[in-house]
Protein backbone atom coordinates (compact mmCIF):
# COMPACT_ATOMS: atom_id res chain seq x y z
CA MET A 1 0.05 0.10 0.20
CA THR A 2 1.40 3.33 -1.16
CA ARG A 3 1.77 5.66 2.10
CA PRO A 4 -0.74 8.50 0.17
CA LEU A 5 -3.06 5.51 0.12
CA ARG A 6 -2.03 4.60 3.82
CA ALA A 7 -2.35 8.23 4.53
CA LEU A 8 -5.72 8.28 3.08
CA ALA A 9 -7.62 4.89 4.41
CA VAL A 10 -6.39 5.93 7.96
CA GLY A 11 -7.97 9.25 7.63
CA VAL A 12 -11.30 7.76 6.45
CA LEU A 13 -11.13 5.16 9.82
CA ALA A 14 -10.47 8.20 11.94
CA ALA A 15 -13.87 9.93 10.44
CA ALA A 16 -15.26 6.77 10.95
CA PHE A 17 -14.89 6.43 14.34
CA ALA A 18 -15.42 10.00 15.19
CA GLY A 19 -18.95 10.31 13.39
CA ALA A 20 -19.59 6.77 15.54
CA GLY A 21 -18.44 8.58 18.72
CA PHE A 22 -20.42 11.75 17.92
CA LEU A 23 -23.51 9.08 17.06
CA PHE A 24 -23.42 7.91 20.67
CA TYR A 25 -22.33 10.51 22.27
CA GLN A 26 -26.33 12.12 20.98
CA TRP A 27 -27.59 9.01 22.13
CA ARG A 28 -26.37 9.21 25.24
CA ALA A 29 -27.05 12.71 26.28
CA GLY A 30 -30.32 12.66 24.53
CA SER A 31 -31.72 16.02 23.15
CA ASP A 32 -30.55 19.18 24.27
CA ARG A 33 -34.12 20.52 24.47
CA PRO A 34 -35.42 19.91 28.62
CA PRO A 35 -38.33 17.72 29.11
CA ASP A 36 -41.68 19.55 28.68
CA PRO A 37 -42.19 20.79 32.12
CA VAL A 38 -45.51 19.37 32.97
CA ALA A 39 -45.00 16.26 32.17
CA ALA A 40 -41.57 16.10 34.06
CA GLY A 41 -43.50 17.26 37.10
CA GLN A 42 -46.14 14.56 36.86
CA MET A 43 -43.10 12.29 36.25
CA VAL A 44 -41.94 13.31 39.40
CA LEU A 45 -44.94 13.21 41.34
CA ALA A 46 -45.77 9.91 39.69
CA ALA A 47 -42.37 8.38 41.77
CA THR A 48 -42.43 6.53 44.51
CA LEU A 49 -39.00 5.97 46.40
CA MET A 50 -37.84 4.14 49.62
CA GLY A 51 -37.69 6.67 52.99
CA LEU A 52 -34.76 6.31 55.29
CA ASP A 53 -37.80 4.29 57.58
CA ASP A 54 -37.52 1.66 54.26
CA LYS A 55 -41.10 2.66 54.07
CA PRO A 56 -42.14 3.39 50.50
CA GLN A 57 -42.82 7.08 49.85
CA PRO A 58 -45.31 8.41 47.00
CA LEU A 59 -43.94 11.93 45.92
CA ALA A 60 -47.76 12.25 45.02
CA GLN A 61 -48.25 13.33 48.93
CA TRP A 62 -47.06 16.57 47.98
CA GLY A 63 -48.90 17.45 45.44
CA GLY A 64 -50.33 20.91 45.85
CA LYS A 65 -47.62 22.09 47.36
CA VAL A 66 -44.19 24.15 45.90
CA LEU A 67 -42.01 21.12 46.02
CA VAL A 68 -37.96 21.33 45.78
CA VAL A 69 -36.73 18.54 44.56
CA ASN A 70 -33.20 17.84 45.41
CA PHE A 71 -31.03 14.80 43.98
CA TRP A 72 -27.71 14.39 45.69
CA ALA A 73 -25.13 11.97 47.26
CA THR A 74 -22.83 12.14 50.68
CA TRP A 75 -19.99 11.83 48.98
CA CYS A 76 -20.81 14.88 46.62
CA THR A 77 -18.98 18.26 48.24
CA PRO A 78 -21.43 20.79 46.15
CA CYS A 79 -24.33 18.76 47.42
CA ARG A 80 -23.17 18.71 50.97
CA GLU A 81 -22.33 22.49 50.53
CA GLU A 82 -26.24 23.58 49.82
CA ILE A 83 -28.37 21.34 51.75
CA PRO A 84 -27.61 23.68 54.93
CA ALA A 85 -29.26 26.34 53.22
CA PHE A 86 -32.35 24.21 51.89
CA ILE A 87 -32.51 23.44 55.61
CA LYS A 88 -33.04 27.21 56.74
CA LEU A 89 -35.36 27.59 53.66
CA GLN A 90 -37.47 24.48 54.54
CA ASP A 91 -38.04 26.03 58.18
CA GLN A 92 -38.88 29.43 56.52
CA TYR A 93 -41.22 28.06 53.96
CA ARG A 94 -42.96 25.24 55.41
CA SER A 95 -45.77 27.03 56.94
CA ARG A 96 -46.57 28.80 53.45
CA GLY A 97 -46.47 25.37 51.73
CA VAL A 98 -43.24 24.81 50.24
CA GLN A 99 -41.81 21.13 50.73
CA PHE A 100 -38.53 20.10 50.29
CA VAL A 101 -37.60 16.48 49.62
CA GLY A 102 -33.71 15.14 49.36
CA ILE A 103 -33.46 12.19 46.62
CA ALA A 104 -30.00 10.86 47.91
CA ILE A 105 -28.13 8.86 45.14
CA ASP A 106 -26.77 6.73 47.61
CA GLN A 107 -26.55 3.83 50.13
CA LYS A 108 -29.17 4.39 53.00
CA GLU A 109 -26.18 3.26 55.31
CA ARG A 110 -24.51 6.18 54.81
CA VAL A 111 -27.59 8.78 54.29
CA GLY A 112 -29.04 8.23 57.32
CA PRO A 113 -26.45 8.66 59.40
CA TYR A 114 -25.52 11.90 57.50
CA ALA A 115 -28.87 13.51 57.00
CA ARG A 116 -29.05 12.91 61.26
CA ASP A 117 -25.56 14.81 61.93
CA ILE A 118 -26.36 17.97 59.76
CA GLY A 119 -30.06 18.32 60.59
CA ILE A 120 -32.20 17.84 57.45
CA ASN A 121 -35.25 18.74 58.23
CA TYR A 122 -37.44 17.42 55.28
CA PRO A 123 -38.06 14.28 53.80
CA VAL A 124 -35.11 11.91 52.65
CA LEU A 125 -35.77 9.29 50.14
CA VAL A 126 -33.02 6.95 48.72
CA GLY A 127 -32.46 5.76 45.00
CA GLY A 128 -29.92 3.89 43.64
CA LEU A 129 -28.09 4.52 40.53
CA GLU A 130 -30.86 3.99 38.36
CA THR A 131 -32.74 7.39 39.89
CA MET A 132 -29.83 8.87 37.57
CA GLU A 133 -31.80 7.53 35.20
CA PHE A 134 -34.87 9.04 36.60
CA ALA A 135 -33.09 12.83 37.15
CA ARG A 136 -32.18 12.51 33.96
CA GLN A 137 -35.43 12.02 32.44
CA ALA A 138 -36.56 15.24 34.39
CA GLY A 139 -34.11 17.44 32.94
CA ASN A 140 -30.49 16.60 34.19
CA ARG A 141 -29.06 15.27 30.90
CA ARG A 142 -25.55 15.93 31.66
CA GLY A 143 -25.64 13.19 34.71
CA VAL A 144 -24.29 15.27 37.50
CA LEU A 145 -24.99 16.60 41.54
CA PRO A 146 -26.04 18.46 42.60
CA PHE A 147 -29.71 18.70 40.69
CA THR A 148 -32.76 20.41 41.86
CA LEU A 149 -36.30 20.90 40.55
CA VAL A 150 -38.86 23.65 41.62
CA ILE A 151 -42.07 22.44 40.83
CA ASP A 152 -45.44 24.58 41.09
CA ARG A 153 -48.31 23.57 42.99
CA ALA A 154 -49.95 22.59 39.43
CA GLY A 155 -47.14 20.03 39.23
CA LYS A 156 -45.36 21.87 36.64
CA VAL A 157 -41.44 22.48 36.74
CA ILE A 158 -40.79 25.74 36.92
CA THR A 159 -37.05 25.43 37.07
CA SER A 160 -34.01 22.59 37.25
CA GLU A 161 -30.74 23.51 38.45
CA ILE A 162 -27.72 21.83 37.88
CA GLY A 163 -24.70 21.99 40.54
CA ILE A 164 -25.49 24.31 43.56
CA LEU A 165 -28.82 26.23 43.84
CA LYS A 166 -27.54 29.19 45.35
CA PRO A 167 -30.31 30.50 48.20
CA ASP A 168 -30.96 33.74 46.92
CA LYS A 169 -31.61 32.42 43.56
CA LEU A 170 -34.27 29.43 45.00
CA GLU A 171 -35.75 32.32 47.68
CA ASN A 172 -36.41 34.78 44.87
CA LEU A 173 -38.08 31.87 42.98
CA LEU A 174 -40.69 30.69 46.30
CA GLU A 175 -41.65 34.07 46.96
CA ARG A 176 -42.93 34.39 43.11
CA LEU A 177 -44.48 30.68 43.50
CA LEU A 178 -45.91 32.04 46.81
């Protein structure tokens, strides 16, 4: 095989692999468009996950409230940074119809002691890695933590936030929803 022909074959092969990689990435990442906010809210409210008490907890039990659903893990440093603000905001807004719910993508044996130690004052549900797929369908296309959804009283996702949700941003949003 001549040198120019070999270079052409290598170039074609590299382009084929690059194209296959791009298609795989697109398939794994799904659409860049966010999910329909009403459908995403309904999907979240239809879910049931295990509580720290080993009892199934349907998220529908908090329907009709402004719901802040936070996907987190004990090993996630940004998650641990934002939880104290969520604890304060739950105290501040509970009487006005706001309910925080933490969904830990972690092991119950780690989540329970951590939640007690830092004083989480809202329900904590536990899901395994399969719960990341649930979060992806709800709008977390990158599959990173923390990931937070704010759902209005009608069950519509108002916002989704990848990464730390700053307390002032969340508080402004909650005030508009109440």
